[in-house]
Amino acid sequence: MTLSSMLVSRDWPEISVLECILGGLHVRVDVETEIERASTKLAKSKVDALIVDCDLDGSAKFLRGIKEEANTVPLLIIGSARRKELKSACASFVFEKPISVEQAVHKLSAARNLILDGRLRYHRQLLDIPAHISYGRRKRRDAHLVNLSQGGVAIRMRDAINLPSALRVRFTLPGSNLRLGAQGQVVWSRQQTLGIRFLQMTERNARNLQLWLATQYLVK
């Protein structure tokens, strides 16, 4: 999967190093040399990671604006020792100039993993597979699972019925023999469709679900 990044800098030797490594990590790089243009682009489109050279004039104001807007993308800051005051701005990772290849590979790899972890945590996989709901004293309903994430599922019932907030959901992951079950809570309902948040799942089931979702996501 190719991710996107914006690199705000005029230091072409450092840009060359970062572009080479980011390309190897399947991260597309948009180099911008003007703070104003970078701000305009970020206002119109989202990137997976932002890399800012603190030695660029206007970078301090630019970073303050990012912090005030509560931007959630990983922020990587590069700069010389004389600009240490900017390193604590809101950076996920900090580079010292001159950037070494070893340092860059380590930190950029960590940034990529951070991005993917965040995406996977909230990614919802669209599905249409059988599911089973159980509650109370041996009460059971058949349903269809319509989407799935690490945190819960959405299911569709044949009829609009009232279900208790606490229940158990079971299903088999497509393309595998992995049967998963979890204790859940109904958090929203719209006619025959219900949203269920997972409250309790075995460690093994949680790990199998995480790996399966990662596989589906990364092959897109």
N, C-alpha and C. Protein backbone atom coordinates (compact mmCIF):
# COMPACT_ATOMS: atom_id res chain seq x y z
N MET A 1 0.83 -1.19 0.00
CA MET A 1 0.00 0.00 0.00
C MET A 1 0.87 1.25 0.00
N THR A 2 0.58 2.19 -0.89
CA THR A 2 1.33 3.44 -0.96
C THR A 2 0.67 4.49 -0.09
N LEU A 3 1.46 5.09 0.79
CA LEU A 3 1.01 6.19 1.63
C LEU A 3 1.48 7.50 1.02
N SER A 4 1.01 8.61 1.58
CA SER A 4 1.39 9.92 1.05
C SER A 4 2.06 10.76 2.13
N SER A 5 2.99 11.61 1.71
CA SER A 5 3.65 12.51 2.65
C SER A 5 3.92 13.84 1.97
N MET A 6 4.07 14.89 2.79
CA MET A 6 4.50 16.19 2.29
C MET A 6 5.79 16.55 3.00
N LEU A 7 6.79 16.94 2.23
CA LEU A 7 8.08 17.34 2.76
C LEU A 7 8.26 18.83 2.48
N VAL A 8 8.32 19.63 3.53
CA VAL A 8 8.44 21.08 3.40
C VAL A 8 9.88 21.46 3.69
N SER A 9 10.65 21.75 2.65
CA SER A 9 12.07 22.02 2.82
C SER A 9 12.66 22.59 1.53
N ARG A 10 13.83 23.26 1.68
CA ARG A 10 14.61 23.70 0.52
C ARG A 10 16.00 23.09 0.54
N ASP A 11 16.24 22.21 1.50
CA ASP A 11 17.55 21.59 1.65
C ASP A 11 17.61 20.36 0.75
N TRP A 12 18.09 20.53 -0.48
CA TRP A 12 17.98 19.48 -1.49
C TRP A 12 18.81 18.24 -1.17
N PRO A 13 19.98 18.35 -0.56
CA PRO A 13 20.68 17.11 -0.18
C PRO A 13 19.87 16.26 0.81
N GLU A 14 19.23 16.93 1.81
CA GLU A 14 18.41 16.20 2.77
C GLU A 14 17.14 15.67 2.10
N ILE A 15 16.58 16.45 1.20
CA ILE A 15 15.39 16.02 0.46
C ILE A 15 15.68 14.75 -0.33
N SER A 16 16.84 14.69 -0.97
CA SER A 16 17.21 13.52 -1.77
C SER A 16 17.28 12.26 -0.92
N VAL A 17 17.87 12.39 0.28
CA VAL A 17 17.97 11.25 1.19
C VAL A 17 16.59 10.76 1.59
N LEU A 18 15.73 11.69 1.99
CA LEU A 18 14.39 11.32 2.47
C LEU A 18 13.53 10.75 1.34
N GLU A 19 13.61 11.36 0.15
CA GLU A 19 12.83 10.84 -0.97
C GLU A 19 13.21 9.41 -1.31
N CYS A 20 14.49 9.11 -1.28
CA CYS A 20 14.96 7.76 -1.61
C CYS A 20 14.43 6.75 -0.60
N ILE A 21 14.51 7.07 0.68
CA ILE A 21 14.08 6.13 1.72
C ILE A 21 12.57 6.00 1.73
N LEU A 22 11.86 7.11 1.61
CA LEU A 22 10.40 7.06 1.60
C LEU A 22 9.88 6.25 0.40
N GLY A 23 10.54 6.39 -0.73
CA GLY A 23 10.15 5.60 -1.90
C GLY A 23 10.28 4.12 -1.62
N GLY A 24 11.36 3.73 -0.93
CA GLY A 24 11.54 2.32 -0.59
C GLY A 24 10.52 1.81 0.40
N LEU A 25 9.93 2.72 1.17
CA LEU A 25 8.89 2.35 2.14
C LEU A 25 7.48 2.49 1.54
N HIS A 26 7.41 2.74 0.24
CA HIS A 26 6.12 2.90 -0.46
C HIS A 26 5.35 4.10 0.08
N VAL A 27 6.07 5.19 0.28
CA VAL A 27 5.46 6.44 0.71
C VAL A 27 5.71 7.49 -0.37
N ARG A 28 4.65 7.99 -0.98
CA ARG A 28 4.76 9.02 -2.02
C ARG A 28 5.14 10.35 -1.37
N VAL A 29 6.02 11.10 -2.01
CA VAL A 29 6.52 12.35 -1.43
C VAL A 29 6.14 13.55 -2.31
N ASP A 30 5.52 14.54 -1.70
CA ASP A 30 5.21 15.81 -2.36
C ASP A 30 6.12 16.86 -1.72
N VAL A 31 7.14 17.31 -2.45
CA VAL A 31 8.09 18.29 -1.92
C VAL A 31 7.55 19.69 -2.15
N GLU A 32 7.52 20.49 -1.09
CA GLU A 32 7.07 21.87 -1.18
C GLU A 32 8.11 22.77 -0.54
N THR A 33 8.56 23.77 -1.27
CA THR A 33 9.62 24.66 -0.78
C THR A 33 9.09 25.95 -0.17
N GLU A 34 7.80 26.22 -0.31
CA GLU A 34 7.20 27.45 0.22
C GLU A 34 6.18 27.12 1.31
N ILE A 35 6.33 27.75 2.47
CA ILE A 35 5.43 27.52 3.60
C ILE A 35 3.99 27.84 3.23
N GLU A 36 3.79 28.96 2.53
CA GLU A 36 2.43 29.37 2.17
C GLU A 36 1.75 28.34 1.28
N ARG A 37 2.49 27.83 0.30
CA ARG A 37 1.92 26.82 -0.60
C ARG A 37 1.64 25.52 0.16
N ALA A 38 2.51 25.17 1.08
CA ALA A 38 2.28 23.96 1.88
C ALA A 38 1.01 24.10 2.71
N SER A 39 0.80 25.25 3.31
CA SER A 39 -0.39 25.50 4.12
C SER A 39 -1.65 25.39 3.26
N THR A 40 -1.60 25.95 2.07
CA THR A 40 -2.76 25.90 1.16
C THR A 40 -3.08 24.47 0.76
N LYS A 41 -2.05 23.69 0.44
CA LYS A 41 -2.27 22.30 0.04
C LYS A 41 -2.86 21.47 1.18
N LEU A 42 -2.33 21.69 2.39
CA LEU A 42 -2.82 20.92 3.54
C LEU A 42 -4.26 21.26 3.87
N ALA A 43 -4.67 22.48 3.57
CA ALA A 43 -6.05 22.89 3.84
C ALA A 43 -7.02 22.21 2.87
N LYS A 44 -6.53 21.81 1.71
CA LYS A 44 -7.39 21.23 0.68
C LYS A 44 -7.34 19.71 0.61
N SER A 45 -6.24 19.12 1.06
CA SER A 45 -6.11 17.67 0.98
C SER A 45 -5.33 17.14 2.17
N LYS A 46 -5.52 15.86 2.45
CA LYS A 46 -4.90 15.23 3.60
C LYS A 46 -3.72 14.38 3.17
N VAL A 47 -2.68 14.39 4.02
CA VAL A 47 -1.52 13.51 3.79
C VAL A 47 -1.38 12.58 4.99
N ASP A 48 -0.65 11.50 4.78
CA ASP A 48 -0.46 10.54 5.87
C ASP A 48 0.65 10.96 6.82
N ALA A 49 1.60 11.76 6.34
CA ALA A 49 2.70 12.22 7.19
C ALA A 49 3.19 13.56 6.68
N LEU A 50 3.61 14.41 7.61
CA LEU A 50 4.12 15.73 7.28
C LEU A 50 5.54 15.86 7.82
N ILE A 51 6.47 16.26 6.95
CA ILE A 51 7.88 16.41 7.33
C ILE A 51 8.26 17.87 7.10
N VAL A 52 8.73 18.54 8.14
CA VAL A 52 9.01 19.98 8.07
C VAL A 52 10.44 20.27 8.46
N ASP A 53 11.10 21.08 7.65
CA ASP A 53 12.46 21.54 7.94
C ASP A 53 12.34 22.82 8.77
N CYS A 54 12.79 22.75 10.03
CA CYS A 54 12.66 23.89 10.93
C CYS A 54 13.61 25.03 10.59
N ASP A 55 14.58 24.79 9.70
CA ASP A 55 15.47 25.86 9.29
C ASP A 55 14.85 26.72 8.18
N LEU A 56 13.68 26.37 7.75
CA LEU A 56 12.98 27.14 6.72
C LEU A 56 12.28 28.33 7.37
N ASP A 57 12.47 29.53 6.80
CA ASP A 57 11.84 30.72 7.35
C ASP A 57 10.31 30.56 7.38
N GLY A 58 9.73 30.89 8.52
CA GLY A 58 8.27 30.78 8.67
C GLY A 58 7.82 29.44 9.22
N SER A 59 8.75 28.53 9.48
CA SER A 59 8.37 27.19 9.94
C SER A 59 7.76 27.22 11.35
N ALA A 60 8.24 28.13 12.21
CA ALA A 60 7.71 28.20 13.58
C ALA A 60 6.22 28.52 13.57
N LYS A 61 5.83 29.52 12.79
CA LYS A 61 4.42 29.89 12.68
C LYS A 61 3.61 28.77 12.04
N PHE A 62 4.18 28.14 11.04
CA PHE A 62 3.53 27.02 10.35
C PHE A 62 3.24 25.88 11.33
N LEU A 63 4.20 25.52 12.16
CA LEU A 63 4.04 24.45 13.13
C LEU A 63 3.03 24.81 14.21
N ARG A 64 3.02 26.09 14.63
CA ARG A 64 2.03 26.52 15.63
C ARG A 64 0.62 26.36 15.08
N GLY A 65 0.45 26.67 13.80
CA GLY A 65 -0.87 26.52 13.19
C GLY A 65 -1.31 25.08 13.13
N ILE A 66 -0.37 24.19 12.83
CA ILE A 66 -0.68 22.76 12.80
C ILE A 66 -1.10 22.28 14.18
N LYS A 67 -0.39 22.71 15.20
CA LYS A 67 -0.70 22.30 16.57
C LYS A 67 -2.07 22.81 16.99
N GLU A 68 -2.38 24.05 16.64
CA GLU A 68 -3.67 24.64 17.02
C GLU A 68 -4.83 23.93 16.33
N GLU A 69 -4.59 23.43 15.13
CA GLU A 69 -5.65 22.73 14.39
C GLU A 69 -5.76 21.27 14.79
N ALA A 70 -4.94 20.84 15.76
CA ALA A 70 -4.97 19.46 16.27
C ALA A 70 -4.82 18.45 15.14
N ASN A 71 -3.88 18.71 14.25
CA ASN A 71 -3.61 17.79 13.14
C ASN A 71 -3.12 16.46 13.70
N THR A 72 -3.71 15.37 13.25
CA THR A 72 -3.41 14.05 13.84
C THR A 72 -2.42 13.23 13.03
N VAL A 73 -1.94 13.75 11.89
CA VAL A 73 -0.98 12.96 11.11
C VAL A 73 0.38 13.00 11.79
N PRO A 74 1.17 11.94 11.67
CA PRO A 74 2.52 11.96 12.26
C PRO A 74 3.34 13.12 11.69
N LEU A 75 3.97 13.87 12.58
CA LEU A 75 4.78 15.02 12.18
C LEU A 75 6.24 14.73 12.44
N LEU A 76 7.07 14.89 11.43
CA LEU A 76 8.50 14.68 11.55
C LEU A 76 9.20 16.01 11.33
N ILE A 77 10.09 16.38 12.23
CA ILE A 77 10.76 17.66 12.14
C ILE A 77 12.25 17.43 11.90
N ILE A 78 12.80 18.18 10.94
CA ILE A 78 14.23 18.15 10.71
C ILE A 78 14.78 19.55 10.93
N GLY A 79 15.99 19.66 11.47
CA GLY A 79 16.56 20.98 11.72
C GLY A 79 17.95 20.88 12.28
N SER A 80 18.62 22.03 12.34
CA SER A 80 19.96 22.09 12.90
C SER A 80 19.88 22.31 14.40
N ALA A 81 21.00 22.16 15.08
CA ALA A 81 21.02 22.25 16.53
C ALA A 81 20.57 23.62 17.02
N ARG A 82 20.76 24.67 16.22
CA ARG A 82 20.40 26.01 16.69
C ARG A 82 18.89 26.24 16.74
N ARG A 83 18.11 25.28 16.26
CA ARG A 83 16.65 25.44 16.28
C ARG A 83 16.00 24.44 17.22
N LYS A 84 16.70 24.12 18.31
CA LYS A 84 16.20 23.10 19.24
C LYS A 84 14.87 23.49 19.87
N GLU A 85 14.61 24.78 19.98
CA GLU A 85 13.38 25.19 20.64
C GLU A 85 12.14 24.73 19.89
N LEU A 86 12.29 24.38 18.61
CA LEU A 86 11.13 23.98 17.82
C LEU A 86 10.86 22.48 17.89
N LYS A 87 11.78 21.72 18.46
CA LYS A 87 11.66 20.27 18.40
C LYS A 87 10.48 19.73 19.21
N SER A 88 10.06 20.47 20.23
CA SER A 88 8.96 20.00 21.06
C SER A 88 7.62 20.51 20.57
N ALA A 89 7.57 21.12 19.39
CA ALA A 89 6.34 21.74 18.89
C ALA A 89 5.16 20.78 18.94
N CYS A 90 5.28 19.64 18.34
CA CYS A 90 4.23 18.62 18.35
C CYS A 90 4.71 17.44 17.53
N ALA A 91 6.02 17.24 17.53
CA ALA A 91 6.60 16.27 16.62
C ALA A 91 6.48 14.84 17.13
N SER A 92 6.20 13.94 16.21
CA SER A 92 6.24 12.51 16.51
C SER A 92 7.67 12.00 16.45
N PHE A 93 8.48 12.58 15.53
CA PHE A 93 9.87 12.17 15.35
C PHE A 93 10.69 13.41 15.01
N VAL A 94 11.96 13.41 15.41
CA VAL A 94 12.85 14.53 15.16
C VAL A 94 14.13 14.04 14.50
N PHE A 95 14.56 14.74 13.45
CA PHE A 95 15.82 14.45 12.77
C PHE A 95 16.82 15.57 13.04
N GLU A 96 18.06 15.22 13.25
CA GLU A 96 19.14 16.20 13.35
C GLU A 96 19.88 16.24 12.01
N LYS A 97 20.21 17.42 11.55
CA LYS A 97 21.03 17.56 10.35
C LYS A 97 22.50 17.39 10.71
N PRO A 98 23.29 16.81 9.84
CA PRO A 98 22.90 16.14 8.59
C PRO A 98 22.22 14.81 8.89
N ILE A 99 21.20 14.48 8.12
CA ILE A 99 20.44 13.26 8.34
C ILE A 99 21.24 12.05 7.87
N SER A 100 21.41 11.09 8.75
CA SER A 100 22.07 9.85 8.36
C SER A 100 21.04 8.88 7.79
N VAL A 101 21.48 8.05 6.87
CA VAL A 101 20.58 7.08 6.26
C VAL A 101 20.01 6.14 7.33
N GLU A 102 20.86 5.70 8.25
CA GLU A 102 20.41 4.77 9.30
C GLU A 102 19.32 5.41 10.17
N GLN A 103 19.54 6.68 10.56
CA GLN A 103 18.55 7.39 11.36
C GLN A 103 17.24 7.55 10.61
N ALA A 104 17.35 7.92 9.34
CA ALA A 104 16.15 8.16 8.55
C ALA A 104 15.35 6.89 8.34
N VAL A 105 16.03 5.78 8.03
CA VAL A 105 15.32 4.50 7.83
C VAL A 105 14.58 4.11 9.10
N HIS A 106 15.25 4.22 10.24
CA HIS A 106 14.64 3.83 11.51
C HIS A 106 13.40 4.67 11.81
N LYS A 107 13.52 6.00 11.70
CA LYS A 107 12.41 6.87 12.09
C LYS A 107 11.28 6.89 11.07
N LEU A 108 11.63 6.83 9.80
CA LEU A 108 10.58 6.80 8.79
C LEU A 108 9.83 5.47 8.80
N SER A 109 10.52 4.38 9.08
CA SER A 109 9.85 3.08 9.21
C SER A 109 8.88 3.12 10.39
N ALA A 110 9.33 3.71 11.50
CA ALA A 110 8.46 3.82 12.68
C ALA A 110 7.25 4.69 12.38
N ALA A 111 7.44 5.76 11.63
CA ALA A 111 6.32 6.64 11.26
C ALA A 111 5.32 5.90 10.38
N ARG A 112 5.83 5.11 9.43
CA ARG A 112 4.93 4.34 8.56
C ARG A 112 4.10 3.34 9.37
N ASN A 113 4.75 2.67 10.31
CA ASN A 113 4.02 1.72 11.17
C ASN A 113 2.97 2.44 12.00
N LEU A 114 3.29 3.64 12.47
CA LEU A 114 2.32 4.42 13.25
C LEU A 114 1.10 4.77 12.41
N ILE A 115 1.33 5.14 11.17
CA ILE A 115 0.23 5.47 10.27
C ILE A 115 -0.66 4.25 10.03
N LEU A 116 -0.04 3.12 9.73
CA LEU A 116 -0.80 1.90 9.44
C LEU A 116 -1.57 1.42 10.67
N ASP A 117 -0.95 1.52 11.85
CA ASP A 117 -1.64 1.11 13.08
C ASP A 117 -2.90 1.95 13.28
N GLY A 118 -2.77 3.25 13.04
CA GLY A 118 -3.94 4.12 13.20
C GLY A 118 -5.03 3.81 12.20
N ARG A 119 -4.63 3.55 10.95
CA ARG A 119 -5.63 3.22 9.94
C ARG A 119 -6.34 1.91 10.24
N LEU A 120 -5.57 0.91 10.64
CA LEU A 120 -6.16 -0.40 10.91
C LEU A 120 -7.09 -0.36 12.11
N ARG A 121 -6.77 0.48 13.07
CA ARG A 121 -7.59 0.55 14.28
C ARG A 121 -9.01 0.99 13.95
N TYR A 122 -9.15 1.87 12.97
CA TYR A 122 -10.47 2.42 12.65
C TYR A 122 -11.04 1.91 11.32
N HIS A 123 -10.28 1.11 10.61
CA HIS A 123 -10.74 0.59 9.32
C HIS A 123 -11.93 -0.35 9.50
N ARG A 124 -12.94 -0.16 8.68
CA ARG A 124 -14.11 -1.05 8.68
C ARG A 124 -14.15 -1.81 7.36
N GLN A 125 -14.13 -3.13 7.48
CA GLN A 125 -14.17 -4.01 6.32
C GLN A 125 -15.62 -4.33 5.98
N LEU A 126 -16.04 -3.98 4.76
CA LEU A 126 -17.40 -4.28 4.33
C LEU A 126 -17.52 -5.77 4.05
N LEU A 127 -18.60 -6.37 4.57
CA LEU A 127 -18.83 -7.80 4.42
C LEU A 127 -20.32 -8.08 4.25
N ASP A 128 -20.62 -9.28 3.90
CA ASP A 128 -22.00 -9.76 3.89
C ASP A 128 -21.94 -11.26 4.18
N ILE A 129 -21.81 -11.59 5.44
CA ILE A 129 -21.63 -12.98 5.86
C ILE A 129 -22.59 -13.31 7.00
N PRO A 130 -22.91 -14.60 7.19
CA PRO A 130 -23.80 -14.97 8.30
C PRO A 130 -23.15 -14.69 9.65
N ALA A 131 -23.99 -14.32 10.60
CA ALA A 131 -23.55 -14.12 11.98
C ALA A 131 -24.65 -14.64 12.90
N HIS A 132 -24.30 -14.91 14.13
CA HIS A 132 -25.27 -15.43 15.10
C HIS A 132 -25.21 -14.59 16.37
N ILE A 133 -26.38 -14.20 16.82
CA ILE A 133 -26.50 -13.39 18.04
C ILE A 133 -27.15 -14.24 19.12
N SER A 134 -26.57 -14.23 20.29
CA SER A 134 -27.19 -14.95 21.41
C SER A 134 -27.27 -14.01 22.62
N TYR A 135 -28.29 -14.22 23.43
CA TYR A 135 -28.51 -13.36 24.61
C TYR A 135 -29.50 -14.05 25.53
N GLY A 136 -29.57 -13.54 26.74
CA GLY A 136 -30.52 -14.09 27.71
C GLY A 136 -30.28 -15.57 27.95
N ARG A 137 -31.35 -16.29 28.20
CA ARG A 137 -31.29 -17.73 28.44
C ARG A 137 -31.48 -18.50 27.14
N ARG A 138 -30.38 -18.77 26.47
CA ARG A 138 -30.35 -19.57 25.25
C ARG A 138 -31.15 -18.98 24.10
N LYS A 139 -31.32 -17.69 24.09
CA LYS A 139 -32.00 -17.06 22.96
C LYS A 139 -30.98 -16.78 21.87
N ARG A 140 -31.37 -17.05 20.65
CA ARG A 140 -30.44 -16.93 19.53
C ARG A 140 -31.17 -16.39 18.30
N ARG A 141 -30.45 -15.55 17.56
CA ARG A 141 -30.99 -14.98 16.33
C ARG A 141 -29.94 -15.08 15.23
N ASP A 142 -30.39 -15.39 14.02
CA ASP A 142 -29.51 -15.35 12.87
C ASP A 142 -29.49 -13.94 12.31
N ALA A 143 -28.35 -13.55 11.79
CA ALA A 143 -28.20 -12.19 11.25
C ALA A 143 -27.16 -12.22 10.14
N HIS A 144 -26.93 -11.05 9.54
CA HIS A 144 -25.87 -10.89 8.56
C HIS A 144 -24.93 -9.79 9.04
N LEU A 145 -23.64 -10.08 9.00
CA LEU A 145 -22.64 -9.10 9.38
C LEU A 145 -22.32 -8.24 8.16
N VAL A 146 -22.45 -6.92 8.29
CA VAL A 146 -22.27 -6.03 7.12
C VAL A 146 -20.96 -5.25 7.15
N ASN A 147 -20.37 -5.03 8.33
CA ASN A 147 -19.01 -4.50 8.37
C ASN A 147 -18.36 -4.89 9.68
N LEU A 148 -17.02 -4.85 9.67
CA LEU A 148 -16.26 -5.39 10.79
C LEU A 148 -15.01 -4.55 11.01
N SER A 149 -14.71 -4.25 12.27
CA SER A 149 -13.47 -3.55 12.62
C SER A 149 -12.90 -4.20 13.88
N GLN A 150 -11.75 -3.72 14.32
CA GLN A 150 -11.18 -4.25 15.54
C GLN A 150 -12.05 -3.95 16.76
N GLY A 151 -12.86 -2.90 16.65
CA GLY A 151 -13.66 -2.49 17.80
C GLY A 151 -15.08 -2.98 17.83
N GLY A 152 -15.58 -3.52 16.69
CA GLY A 152 -16.96 -3.95 16.70
C GLY A 152 -17.48 -4.33 15.32
N VAL A 153 -18.79 -4.52 15.22
CA VAL A 153 -19.42 -4.94 13.97
C VAL A 153 -20.74 -4.20 13.78
N ALA A 154 -21.20 -4.21 12.55
CA ALA A 154 -22.57 -3.82 12.24
C ALA A 154 -23.26 -5.05 11.69
N ILE A 155 -24.45 -5.34 12.17
CA ILE A 155 -25.19 -6.51 11.71
C ILE A 155 -26.57 -6.10 11.21
N ARG A 156 -27.11 -6.90 10.31
CA ARG A 156 -28.45 -6.65 9.78
C ARG A 156 -29.34 -7.83 10.14
N MET A 157 -30.47 -7.54 10.76
CA MET A 157 -31.43 -8.57 11.14
C MET A 157 -32.51 -8.70 10.06
N ARG A 158 -33.18 -9.81 10.05
CA ARG A 158 -34.27 -10.00 9.09
C ARG A 158 -35.45 -9.10 9.41
N ASP A 159 -35.69 -8.90 10.69
CA ASP A 159 -36.81 -8.07 11.13
C ASP A 159 -36.30 -7.04 12.13
N ALA A 160 -37.03 -5.96 12.25
CA ALA A 160 -36.70 -4.94 13.24
C ALA A 160 -37.19 -5.43 14.60
N ILE A 161 -36.27 -5.84 15.45
CA ILE A 161 -36.64 -6.34 16.77
C ILE A 161 -35.81 -5.65 17.84
N ASN A 162 -36.32 -5.68 19.04
CA ASN A 162 -35.60 -5.09 20.16
C ASN A 162 -34.69 -6.14 20.78
N LEU A 163 -33.41 -5.84 20.81
CA LEU A 163 -32.45 -6.73 21.43
C LEU A 163 -31.90 -6.07 22.69
N PRO A 164 -31.52 -6.87 23.67
CA PRO A 164 -30.91 -6.29 24.86
C PRO A 164 -29.57 -5.65 24.51
N SER A 165 -29.12 -4.70 25.33
CA SER A 165 -27.86 -4.02 25.02
C SER A 165 -26.66 -4.96 25.12
N ALA A 166 -26.73 -5.95 26.01
CA ALA A 166 -25.62 -6.90 26.18
C ALA A 166 -25.94 -8.20 25.45
N LEU A 167 -25.04 -8.65 24.60
CA LEU A 167 -25.25 -9.88 23.84
C LEU A 167 -23.90 -10.46 23.41
N ARG A 168 -23.97 -11.59 22.70
CA ARG A 168 -22.77 -12.21 22.17
C ARG A 168 -22.94 -12.41 20.68
N VAL A 169 -21.89 -12.11 19.92
CA VAL A 169 -21.94 -12.27 18.47
C VAL A 169 -20.88 -13.27 18.04
N ARG A 170 -21.22 -14.13 17.09
CA ARG A 170 -20.30 -15.13 16.57
C ARG A 170 -20.36 -15.14 15.05
N PHE A 171 -19.20 -15.36 14.42
CA PHE A 171 -19.12 -15.40 12.95
C PHE A 171 -17.81 -16.06 12.55
N THR A 172 -17.74 -16.44 11.27
CA THR A 172 -16.53 -17.04 10.70
C THR A 172 -15.93 -16.08 9.69
N LEU A 173 -14.63 -15.80 9.81
CA LEU A 173 -13.99 -14.88 8.89
C LEU A 173 -13.92 -15.48 7.49
N PRO A 174 -14.30 -14.73 6.46
CA PRO A 174 -14.28 -15.24 5.09
C PRO A 174 -12.88 -15.69 4.66
N GLY A 175 -12.84 -16.76 3.90
CA GLY A 175 -11.58 -17.27 3.40
C GLY A 175 -10.73 -17.97 4.44
N SER A 176 -11.34 -18.30 5.57
CA SER A 176 -10.59 -18.98 6.62
C SER A 176 -11.55 -19.87 7.41
N ASN A 177 -10.97 -20.64 8.31
CA ASN A 177 -11.79 -21.44 9.22
C ASN A 177 -11.81 -20.84 10.62
N LEU A 178 -11.50 -19.54 10.70
CA LEU A 178 -11.43 -18.86 11.99
C LEU A 178 -12.81 -18.43 12.45
N ARG A 179 -13.28 -19.10 13.50
CA ARG A 179 -14.57 -18.74 14.09
C ARG A 179 -14.30 -17.82 15.28
N LEU A 180 -14.90 -16.65 15.23
CA LEU A 180 -14.68 -15.67 16.29
C LEU A 180 -15.97 -15.41 17.06
N GLY A 181 -15.81 -15.16 18.34
CA GLY A 181 -16.94 -14.81 19.18
C GLY A 181 -16.53 -13.72 20.15
N ALA A 182 -17.47 -12.86 20.52
CA ALA A 182 -17.15 -11.78 21.44
C ALA A 182 -18.40 -11.32 22.18
N GLN A 183 -18.20 -10.90 23.40
CA GLN A 183 -19.26 -10.23 24.14
C GLN A 183 -19.34 -8.80 23.63
N GLY A 184 -20.56 -8.32 23.41
CA GLY A 184 -20.70 -6.98 22.86
C GLY A 184 -21.84 -6.20 23.46
N GLN A 185 -21.90 -4.95 23.05
CA GLN A 185 -22.96 -4.05 23.51
C GLN A 185 -23.52 -3.29 22.31
N VAL A 186 -24.83 -3.24 22.21
CA VAL A 186 -25.48 -2.49 21.13
C VAL A 186 -25.32 -0.99 21.42
N VAL A 187 -24.71 -0.29 20.47
CA VAL A 187 -24.46 1.14 20.68
C VAL A 187 -25.30 2.02 19.76
N TRP A 188 -25.87 1.45 18.70
CA TRP A 188 -26.79 2.20 17.87
C TRP A 188 -27.67 1.22 17.09
N SER A 189 -28.82 1.68 16.64
CA SER A 189 -29.72 0.84 15.84
C SER A 189 -30.48 1.71 14.85
N ARG A 190 -30.64 1.19 13.63
CA ARG A 190 -31.41 1.86 12.58
C ARG A 190 -32.23 0.80 11.87
N GLN A 191 -33.50 0.74 12.20
CA GLN A 191 -34.40 -0.28 11.65
C GLN A 191 -33.83 -1.68 11.91
N GLN A 192 -33.47 -2.42 10.85
CA GLN A 192 -32.97 -3.78 11.06
C GLN A 192 -31.46 -3.86 11.28
N THR A 193 -30.76 -2.73 11.25
CA THR A 193 -29.30 -2.73 11.38
C THR A 193 -28.87 -2.24 12.76
N LEU A 194 -27.89 -2.97 13.34
CA LEU A 194 -27.41 -2.64 14.68
C LEU A 194 -25.89 -2.50 14.67
N GLY A 195 -25.40 -1.57 15.48
CA GLY A 195 -23.97 -1.43 15.69
C GLY A 195 -23.60 -2.02 17.04
N ILE A 196 -22.65 -2.93 17.05
CA ILE A 196 -22.25 -3.62 18.28
C ILE A 196 -20.77 -3.35 18.57
N ARG A 197 -20.49 -2.86 19.74
CA ARG A 197 -19.11 -2.64 20.16
C ARG A 197 -18.62 -3.84 20.95
N PHE A 198 -17.43 -4.32 20.61
CA PHE A 198 -16.86 -5.45 21.35
C PHE A 198 -16.46 -5.01 22.76
N LEU A 199 -16.89 -5.79 23.74
CA LEU A 199 -16.53 -5.53 25.12
C LEU A 199 -15.51 -6.52 25.64
N GLN A 200 -15.62 -7.75 25.17
CA GLN A 200 -14.71 -8.79 25.64
C GLN A 200 -14.48 -9.82 24.55
N MET A 201 -13.21 -10.10 24.29
CA MET A 201 -12.81 -11.08 23.29
C MET A 201 -11.51 -11.73 23.76
N THR A 202 -11.36 -13.00 23.52
CA THR A 202 -10.13 -13.66 23.95
C THR A 202 -8.93 -13.05 23.23
N GLU A 203 -7.78 -13.14 23.84
CA GLU A 203 -6.56 -12.58 23.24
C GLU A 203 -6.28 -13.22 21.88
N ARG A 204 -6.51 -14.51 21.79
CA ARG A 204 -6.28 -15.22 20.53
C ARG A 204 -7.23 -14.73 19.45
N ASN A 205 -8.50 -14.59 19.78
CA ASN A 205 -9.46 -14.10 18.80
C ASN A 205 -9.13 -12.68 18.36
N ALA A 206 -8.74 -11.83 19.31
CA ALA A 206 -8.39 -10.44 18.98
C ALA A 206 -7.21 -10.38 18.03
N ARG A 207 -6.22 -11.23 18.28
CA ARG A 207 -5.05 -11.26 17.41
C ARG A 207 -5.40 -11.78 16.02
N ASN A 208 -6.20 -12.83 15.95
CA ASN A 208 -6.62 -13.36 14.64
C ASN A 208 -7.41 -12.32 13.86
N LEU A 209 -8.27 -11.59 14.54
CA LEU A 209 -9.06 -10.55 13.88
C LEU A 209 -8.15 -9.44 13.37
N GLN A 210 -7.20 -9.01 14.19
CA GLN A 210 -6.28 -7.96 13.78
C GLN A 210 -5.48 -8.36 12.54
N LEU A 211 -4.97 -9.58 12.52
CA LEU A 211 -4.18 -10.05 11.38
C LEU A 211 -5.03 -10.18 10.13
N TRP A 212 -6.26 -10.66 10.28
CA TRP A 212 -7.14 -10.82 9.12
C TRP A 212 -7.49 -9.46 8.54
N LEU A 213 -7.82 -8.49 9.39
CA LEU A 213 -8.15 -7.15 8.91
C LEU A 213 -6.95 -6.50 8.23
N ALA A 214 -5.76 -6.71 8.80
CA ALA A 214 -4.56 -6.14 8.19
C ALA A 214 -4.34 -6.70 6.79
N THR A 215 -4.56 -7.99 6.64
CA THR A 215 -4.39 -8.64 5.33
C THR A 215 -5.38 -8.06 4.32
N GLN A 216 -6.64 -7.90 4.71
CA GLN A 216 -7.63 -7.34 3.80
C GLN A 216 -7.29 -5.92 3.42
N TYR A 217 -6.81 -5.15 4.38
CA TYR A 217 -6.52 -3.73 4.14
C TYR A 217 -5.31 -3.53 3.25
N LEU A 218 -4.26 -4.30 3.50
CA LEU A 218 -3.02 -4.07 2.80
C LEU A 218 -3.02 -4.59 1.37
N VAL A 219 -3.95 -5.47 1.03
CA VAL A 219 -3.99 -5.98 -0.34
C VAL A 219 -4.81 -5.09 -1.26
N LYS A 220 -5.38 -4.03 -0.72
CA LYS A 220 -6.19 -3.16 -1.57
C LYS A 220 -5.31 -2.42 -2.58
